[in-house]
PDB file of all heavy atoms in Angstrom:
ATOM      1  N   ILE A   1     118.318  85.641 115.795  1.00  0.00           N
ATOM      2  CA  ILE A   1     119.011  86.726 115.167  1.00  0.00           C
ATOM      3  C   ILE A   1     118.117  87.212 114.025  1.00  0.00           C
ATOM      4  O   ILE A   1     117.877  86.456 113.058  1.00  0.00           O
ATOM      5  CB  ILE A   1     120.382  86.257 114.627  1.00  0.00           C
ATOM      6  CG1 ILE A   1     121.206  85.692 115.805  1.00  0.00           C
ATOM      7  CG2 ILE A   1     121.141  87.451 114.023  1.00  0.00           C
ATOM      8  CD1 ILE A   1     122.498  85.034 115.411  1.00  0.00           C
ATOM      9  N   ASP A   2     117.669  88.439 114.108  1.00  0.00           N
ATOM     10  CA  ASP A   2     116.661  88.949 113.207  1.00  0.00           C
ATOM     11  C   ASP A   2     117.197  90.112 112.426  1.00  0.00           C
ATOM     12  O   ASP A   2     117.614  91.158 112.967  1.00  0.00           O
ATOM     13  CB  ASP A   2     115.476  89.415 114.068  1.00  0.00           C
ATOM     14  CG  ASP A   2     114.284  89.909 113.217  1.00  0.00           C
ATOM     15  OD1 ASP A   2     114.363  89.739 111.969  1.00  0.00           O
ATOM     16  OD2 ASP A   2     113.335  90.463 113.806  1.00  0.00           O
ATOM     17  N   VAL A   3     117.263  89.946 111.069  1.00  0.00           N
ATOM     18  CA  VAL A   3     117.804  91.019 110.179  1.00  0.00           C
ATOM     19  C   VAL A   3     116.659  91.678 109.403  1.00  0.00           C
ATOM     20  O   VAL A   3     116.928  92.346 108.436  1.00  0.00           O
ATOM     21  CB  VAL A   3     118.895  90.520 109.278  1.00  0.00           C
ATOM     22  CG1 VAL A   3     120.131  90.036 110.078  1.00  0.00           C
ATOM     23  CG2 VAL A   3     118.359  89.401 108.384  1.00  0.00           C
ATOM     24  N   GLN A   4     115.438  91.461 109.830  1.00  0.00           N
ATOM     25  CA  GLN A   4     114.296  92.132 109.163  1.00  0.00           C
ATOM     26  C   GLN A   4     114.353  93.599 109.481  1.00  0.00           C
ATOM     27  O   GLN A   4     114.706  94.018 110.583  1.00  0.00           O
ATOM     28  CB  GLN A   4     112.979  91.569 109.620  1.00  0.00           C
ATOM     29  CG  GLN A   4     112.831  90.056 109.359  1.00  0.00           C
ATOM     30  CD  GLN A   4     111.597  89.471 110.000  1.00  0.00           C
ATOM     31  OE1 GLN A   4     110.650  89.208 109.258  1.00  0.00           O
ATOM     32  NE2 GLN A   4     111.551  89.335 111.282  1.00  0.00           N
ATOM     33  N   ASP A   5     113.946  94.399 108.509  1.00  0.00           N
ATOM     34  CA  ASP A   5     113.896  95.860 108.709  1.00  0.00           C
ATOM     35  C   ASP A   5     112.417  96.253 108.816  1.00  0.00           C
ATOM     36  O   ASP A   5     111.496  95.456 108.649  1.00  0.00           O
ATOM     37  CB  ASP A   5     114.532  96.558 107.584  1.00  0.00           C
ATOM     38  CG  ASP A   5     115.185  97.912 107.978  1.00  0.00           C
ATOM     39  OD1 ASP A   5     114.849  98.335 109.134  1.00  0.00           O
ATOM     40  OD2 ASP A   5     115.880  98.505 107.213  1.00  0.00           O
ATOM     41  N   LYS A   6     112.228  97.529 109.114  1.00  0.00           N
ATOM     42  CA  LYS A   6     110.848  98.022 109.262  1.00  0.00           C
ATOM     43  C   LYS A   6     110.238  98.304 107.861  1.00  0.00           C
ATOM     44  O   LYS A   6     111.009  98.466 106.878  1.00  0.00           O
ATOM     45  CB  LYS A   6     110.877  99.346 110.071  1.00  0.00           C
ATOM     46  CG  LYS A   6     111.330  99.181 111.517  1.00  0.00           C
ATOM     47  CD  LYS A   6     111.316 100.516 112.234  1.00  0.00           C
ATOM     48  CE  LYS A   6     111.756 100.345 113.674  1.00  0.00           C
ATOM     49  NZ  LYS A   6     111.783 101.656 114.389  1.00  0.00           N
ATOM     50  N   LEU A   7     108.956  98.369 107.798  1.00  0.00           N
ATOM     51  CA  LEU A   7     108.266  98.740 106.582  1.00  0.00           C
ATOM     52  C   LEU A   7     108.595 100.175 106.236  1.00  0.00           C
ATOM     53  O   LEU A   7     108.732 101.059 107.127  1.00  0.00           O
ATOM     54  CB  LEU A   7     106.758  98.548 106.711  1.00  0.00           C
ATOM     55  CG  LEU A   7     106.205  97.108 106.849  1.00  0.00           C
ATOM     56  CD1 LEU A   7     104.747  97.124 107.200  1.00  0.00           C
ATOM     57  CD2 LEU A   7     106.490  96.339 105.530  1.00  0.00           C
ATOM     58  N   LYS A   8     108.708 100.496 104.944  1.00  0.00           N
ATOM     59  CA  LYS A   8     109.047 101.816 104.504  1.00  0.00           C
ATOM     60  C   LYS A   8     107.863 102.686 104.400  1.00  0.00           C
ATOM     61  O   LYS A   8     106.740 102.261 104.184  1.00  0.00           O
ATOM     62  CB  LYS A   8     109.785 101.778 103.117  1.00  0.00           C
ATOM     63  CG  LYS A   8     111.096 100.992 103.085  1.00  0.00           C
ATOM     64  CD  LYS A   8     111.699 101.012 101.759  1.00  0.00           C
ATOM     65  CE  LYS A   8     112.990 100.271 101.701  1.00  0.00           C
ATOM     66  NZ  LYS A   8     114.059 100.941 102.483  1.00  0.00           N
ATOM     67  N   GLY A   9     108.085 104.039 104.541  1.00  0.00           N
ATOM     68  CA  GLY A   9     107.090 105.008 104.325  1.00  0.00           C
ATOM     69  C   GLY A   9     106.982 105.373 102.877  1.00  0.00           C
ATOM     70  O   GLY A   9     107.708 104.863 102.052  1.00  0.00           O
ATOM     71  N   GLN A  10     106.106 106.300 102.537  1.00  0.00           N
ATOM     72  CA  GLN A  10     105.914 106.676 101.088  1.00  0.00           C
ATOM     73  C   GLN A  10     107.197 107.128 100.452  1.00  0.00           C
ATOM     74  O   GLN A  10     107.467 106.786  99.295  1.00  0.00           O
ATOM     75  CB  GLN A  10     104.859 107.794 101.018  1.00  0.00           C
ATOM     76  CG  GLN A  10     103.456 107.367 101.288  1.00  0.00           C
ATOM     77  CD  GLN A  10     102.480 108.442 101.015  1.00  0.00           C
ATOM     78  OE1 GLN A  10     102.813 109.406 100.335  1.00  0.00           O
ATOM     79  NE2 GLN A  10     101.249 108.315 101.524  1.00  0.00           N
ATOM     80  N   LYS A  11     108.000 107.868 101.200  1.00  0.00           N
ATOM     81  CA  LYS A  11     109.247 108.416 100.583  1.00  0.00           C
ATOM     82  C   LYS A  11     110.242 107.335 100.269  1.00  0.00           C
ATOM     83  O   LYS A  11     111.119 107.547  99.410  1.00  0.00           O
ATOM     84  CB  LYS A  11     109.863 109.413 101.527  1.00  0.00           C
ATOM     85  CG  LYS A  11     109.023 110.666 101.708  1.00  0.00           C
ATOM     86  CD  LYS A  11     109.715 111.651 102.642  1.00  0.00           C
ATOM     87  CE  LYS A  11     108.884 112.918 102.802  1.00  0.00           C
ATOM     88  NZ  LYS A  11     109.530 113.913 103.710  1.00  0.00           N
ATOM     89  N   GLY A  12     110.087 106.135 100.895  1.00  0.00           N
ATOM     90  CA  GLY A  12     111.050 105.081 100.601  1.00  0.00           C
ATOM     91  C   GLY A  12     110.623 104.147  99.525  1.00  0.00           C
ATOM     92  O   GLY A  12     111.303 103.185  99.195  1.00  0.00           O
ATOM     93  N   LEU A  13     109.443 104.369  98.948  1.00  0.00           N
ATOM     94  CA  LEU A  13     108.898 103.522  97.888  1.00  0.00           C
ATOM     95  C   LEU A  13     109.007 104.187  96.569  1.00  0.00           C
ATOM     96  O   LEU A  13     108.007 104.674  95.977  1.00  0.00           O
ATOM     97  CB  LEU A  13     107.451 103.152  98.203  1.00  0.00           C
ATOM     98  CG  LEU A  13     107.229 102.443  99.582  1.00  0.00           C
ATOM     99  CD1 LEU A  13     105.786 102.265  99.882  1.00  0.00           C
ATOM    100  CD2 LEU A  13     107.945 101.120  99.612  1.00  0.00           C
ATOM    101  N   ASN A  14     110.234 104.243  96.010  1.00  0.00           N
ATOM    102  CA  ASN A  14     110.488 104.986  94.781  1.00  0.00           C
ATOM    103  C   ASN A  14     110.831 104.115  93.574  1.00  0.00           C
ATOM    104  O   ASN A  14     111.181 104.657  92.520  1.00  0.00           O
ATOM    105  CB  ASN A  14     111.619 105.961  95.040  1.00  0.00           C
ATOM    106  CG  ASN A  14     111.358 106.949  96.170  1.00  0.00           C
ATOM    107  OD1 ASN A  14     110.225 107.486  96.203  1.00  0.00           O
ATOM    108  ND2 ASN A  14     112.286 107.137  97.056  1.00  0.00           N
ATOM    109  N   SER A  15     110.716 102.811  93.710  1.00  0.00           N
ATOM    110  CA  SER A  15     111.048 101.973  92.597  1.00  0.00           C
ATOM    111  C   SER A  15     110.187 100.696  92.646  1.00  0.00           C
ATOM    112  O   SER A  15     109.610 100.348  93.688  1.00  0.00           O
ATOM    113  CB  SER A  15     112.519 101.571  92.637  1.00  0.00           C
ATOM    114  OG  SER A  15     112.807 100.688  93.693  1.00  0.00           O
ATOM    115  N   ALA A  16     110.079 100.040  91.488  1.00  0.00           N
ATOM    116  CA  ALA A  16     109.343  98.761  91.462  1.00  0.00           C
ATOM    117  C   ALA A  16     109.868  97.755  92.385  1.00  0.00           C
ATOM    118  O   ALA A  16     109.150  97.030  93.080  1.00  0.00           O
ATOM    119  CB  ALA A  16     109.344  98.232  90.031  1.00  0.00           C
ATOM    120  N   PHE A  17     111.230  97.657  92.490  1.00  0.00           N
ATOM    121  CA  PHE A  17     111.832  96.714  93.422  1.00  0.00           C
ATOM    122  C   PHE A  17     111.455  96.965  94.837  1.00  0.00           C
ATOM    123  O   PHE A  17     111.148  96.084  95.610  1.00  0.00           O
ATOM    124  CB  PHE A  17     113.350  96.764  93.245  1.00  0.00           C
ATOM    125  CG  PHE A  17     114.099  95.804  94.119  1.00  0.00           C
ATOM    126  CD1 PHE A  17     114.162  94.470  93.878  1.00  0.00           C
ATOM    127  CD2 PHE A  17     114.757  96.279  95.237  1.00  0.00           C
ATOM    128  CE1 PHE A  17     114.764  93.565  94.730  1.00  0.00           C
ATOM    129  CE2 PHE A  17     115.437  95.407  96.084  1.00  0.00           C
ATOM    130  CZ  PHE A  17     115.448  94.050  95.824  1.00  0.00           C
ATOM    131  N   GLU A  18     111.478  98.278  95.259  1.00  0.00           N
ATOM    132  CA  GLU A  18     111.131  98.628  96.630  1.00  0.00           C
ATOM    133  C   GLU A  18     109.651  98.302  96.918  1.00  0.00           C
ATOM    134  O   GLU A  18     109.331  97.917  98.069  1.00  0.00           O
ATOM    135  CB  GLU A  18     111.424 100.114  96.866  1.00  0.00           C
ATOM    136  CG  GLU A  18     112.929 100.384  96.891  1.00  0.00           C
ATOM    137  CD  GLU A  18     113.221 101.881  96.882  1.00  0.00           C
ATOM    138  OE1 GLU A  18     112.295 102.670  96.500  1.00  0.00           O
ATOM    139  OE2 GLU A  18     114.292 102.285  97.306  1.00  0.00           O
ATOM    140  N   ILE A  19     108.780  98.511  95.933  1.00  0.00           N
ATOM    141  CA  ILE A  19     107.371  98.175  96.149  1.00  0.00           C
ATOM    142  C   ILE A  19     107.170  96.688  96.324  1.00  0.00           C
ATOM    143  O   ILE A  19     106.434  96.260  97.180  1.00  0.00           O
ATOM    144  CB  ILE A  19     106.539  98.747  94.974  1.00  0.00           C
ATOM    145  CG1 ILE A  19     106.578 100.286  94.973  1.00  0.00           C
ATOM    146  CG2 ILE A  19     105.111  98.221  95.073  1.00  0.00           C
ATOM    147  CD1 ILE A  19     105.940 100.907  93.789  1.00  0.00           C
ATOM    148  N   VAL A  20     107.870  95.898  95.455  1.00  0.00           N
ATOM    149  CA  VAL A  20     107.717  94.432  95.591  1.00  0.00           C
ATOM    150  C   VAL A  20     108.249  94.004  96.977  1.00  0.00           C
ATOM    151  O   VAL A  20     107.631  93.184  97.632  1.00  0.00           O
ATOM    152  CB  VAL A  20     108.538  93.724  94.483  1.00  0.00           C
ATOM    153  CG1 VAL A  20     108.639  92.199  94.729  1.00  0.00           C
ATOM    154  CG2 VAL A  20     107.874  93.962  93.148  1.00  0.00           C
ATOM    155  N   MET A  21     109.351  94.558  97.400  1.00  0.00           N
ATOM    156  CA  MET A  21     109.922  94.205  98.700  1.00  0.00           C
ATOM    157  C   MET A  21     108.907  94.552  99.837  1.00  0.00           C
ATOM    158  O   MET A  21     108.744  93.806 100.770  1.00  0.00           O
ATOM    159  CB  MET A  21     111.195  95.023  98.925  1.00  0.00           C
ATOM    160  CG  MET A  21     112.434  94.339  98.337  1.00  0.00           C
ATOM    161  SD  MET A  21     112.723  92.739  99.024  1.00  0.00           S
ATOM    162  CE  MET A  21     112.864  93.106 100.766  1.00  0.00           C
ATOM    163  N   GLN A  22     108.256  95.673  99.693  1.00  0.00           N
ATOM    164  CA  GLN A  22     107.268  96.102 100.697  1.00  0.00           C
ATOM    165  C   GLN A  22     106.112  95.112 100.780  1.00  0.00           C
ATOM    166  O   GLN A  22     105.692  94.732 101.851  1.00  0.00           O
ATOM    167  CB  GLN A  22     106.784  97.517 100.372  1.00  0.00           C
ATOM    168  CG  GLN A  22     105.829  98.075 101.433  1.00  0.00           C
ATOM    169  CD  GLN A  22     106.550  98.853 102.489  1.00  0.00           C
ATOM    170  OE1 GLN A  22     107.745  98.585 102.737  1.00  0.00           O
ATOM    171  NE2 GLN A  22     105.859  99.770 103.122  1.00  0.00           N
ATOM    172  N   ILE A  23     105.634  94.709  99.553  1.00  0.00           N
ATOM    173  CA  ILE A  23     104.521  93.749  99.576  1.00  0.00           C
ATOM    174  C   ILE A  23     104.917  92.424 100.168  1.00  0.00           C
ATOM    175  O   ILE A  23     104.179  91.823 100.972  1.00  0.00           O
ATOM    176  CB  ILE A  23     104.035  93.546  98.129  1.00  0.00           C
ATOM    177  CG1 ILE A  23     103.424  94.904  97.574  1.00  0.00           C
ATOM    178  CG2 ILE A  23     103.004  92.435  98.027  1.00  0.00           C
ATOM    179  CD1 ILE A  23     103.132  94.830  96.111  1.00  0.00           C
ATOM    180  N   VAL A  24     106.101  91.904  99.808  1.00  0.00           N
ATOM    181  CA  VAL A  24     106.641  90.660 100.361  1.00  0.00           C
ATOM    182  C   VAL A  24     106.773  90.790 101.825  1.00  0.00           C
ATOM    183  O   VAL A  24     106.646  89.804 102.611  1.00  0.00           O
ATOM    184  CB  VAL A  24     107.926  90.293  99.681  1.00  0.00           C
ATOM    185  CG1 VAL A  24     108.619  89.093 100.358  1.00  0.00           C
ATOM    186  CG2 VAL A  24     107.729  89.987  98.220  1.00  0.00           C
ATOM    187  N   SER A  25     107.035  91.998 102.365  1.00  0.00           N
ATOM    188  CA  SER A  25     107.353  92.136 103.793  1.00  0.00           C
ATOM    189  C   SER A  25     106.116  92.266 104.669  1.00  0.00           C
ATOM    190  O   SER A  25     106.248  92.185 105.896  1.00  0.00           O
ATOM    191  CB  SER A  25     108.252  93.370 103.978  1.00  0.00           C
ATOM    192  OG  SER A  25     109.479  93.281 103.261  1.00  0.00           O
ATOM    193  N   PHE A  26     104.942  92.443 104.129  1.00  0.00           N
ATOM    194  CA  PHE A  26     103.746  92.602 104.918  1.00  0.00           C
ATOM    195  C   PHE A  26     103.620  91.502 105.939  1.00  0.00           C
ATOM    196  O   PHE A  26     103.439  91.746 107.147  1.00  0.00           O
ATOM    197  CB  PHE A  26     102.491  92.701 104.041  1.00  0.00           C
ATOM    198  CG  PHE A  26     102.353  93.959 103.266  1.00  0.00           C
ATOM    199  CD1 PHE A  26     101.623  93.992 102.081  1.00  0.00           C
ATOM    200  CD2 PHE A  26     102.982  95.115 103.670  1.00  0.00           C
ATOM    201  CE1 PHE A  26     101.469  95.172 101.358  1.00  0.00           C
ATOM    202  CE2 PHE A  26     102.840  96.291 102.919  1.00  0.00           C
ATOM    203  CZ  PHE A  26     102.114  96.282 101.804  1.00  0.00           C
ATOM    204  N   GLN A  27     103.666  90.225 105.458  1.00  0.00           N
ATOM    205  CA  GLN A  27     103.465  89.094 106.408  1.00  0.00           C
ATOM    206  C   GLN A  27     104.594  89.006 107.392  1.00  0.00           C
ATOM    207  O   GLN A  27     104.344  88.618 108.535  1.00  0.00           O
ATOM    208  CB  GLN A  27     103.369  87.790 105.551  1.00  0.00           C
ATOM    209  CG  GLN A  27     103.245  86.554 106.364  1.00  0.00           C
ATOM    210  CD  GLN A  27     101.941  86.476 107.156  1.00  0.00           C
ATOM    211  OE1 GLN A  27     100.924  87.019 106.680  1.00  0.00           O
ATOM    212  NE2 GLN A  27     101.937  85.853 108.291  1.00  0.00           N
ATOM    213  N   MET A  28     105.785  89.394 106.985  1.00  0.00           N
ATOM    214  CA  MET A  28     106.923  89.294 107.862  1.00  0.00           C
ATOM    215  C   MET A  28     106.686  90.117 109.165  1.00  0.00           C
ATOM    216  O   MET A  28     107.006  89.639 110.292  1.00  0.00           O
ATOM    217  CB  MET A  28     108.202  89.747 107.195  1.00  0.00           C
ATOM    218  CG  MET A  28     108.641  89.024 105.949  1.00  0.00           C
ATOM    219  SD  MET A  28     110.144  89.707 105.300  1.00  0.00           S
ATOM    220  CE  MET A  28     110.274  88.815 103.747  1.00  0.00           C
ATOM    221  N   TYR A  29     106.156  91.289 109.007  1.00  0.00           N
ATOM    222  CA  TYR A  29     106.093  92.202 110.134  1.00  0.00           C
ATOM    223  C   TYR A  29     104.754  92.066 110.890  1.00  0.00           C
ATOM    224  O   TYR A  29     104.637  92.652 111.986  1.00  0.00           O
ATOM    225  CB  TYR A  29     106.294  93.651 109.617  1.00  0.00           C
ATOM    226  CG  TYR A  29     107.580  93.781 108.919  1.00  0.00           C
ATOM    227  CD1 TYR A  29     107.639  94.098 107.588  1.00  0.00           C
ATOM    228  CD2 TYR A  29     108.818  93.520 109.606  1.00  0.00           C
ATOM    229  CE1 TYR A  29     108.885  94.194 106.932  1.00  0.00           C
ATOM    230  CE2 TYR A  29     110.018  93.611 108.941  1.00  0.00           C
ATOM    231  CZ  TYR A  29     110.035  93.921 107.584  1.00  0.00           C
ATOM    232  OH  TYR A  29     111.242  94.037 106.960  1.00  0.00           O
TER     233      TYR A  29
END
């Protein structure tokens, strides 16, 4: 059961929290 989401594009990276989440998610995907 996988609740991982896809990496966001530029328009979805609008806050420090979203950027940290994106970095943490690199290895996941």
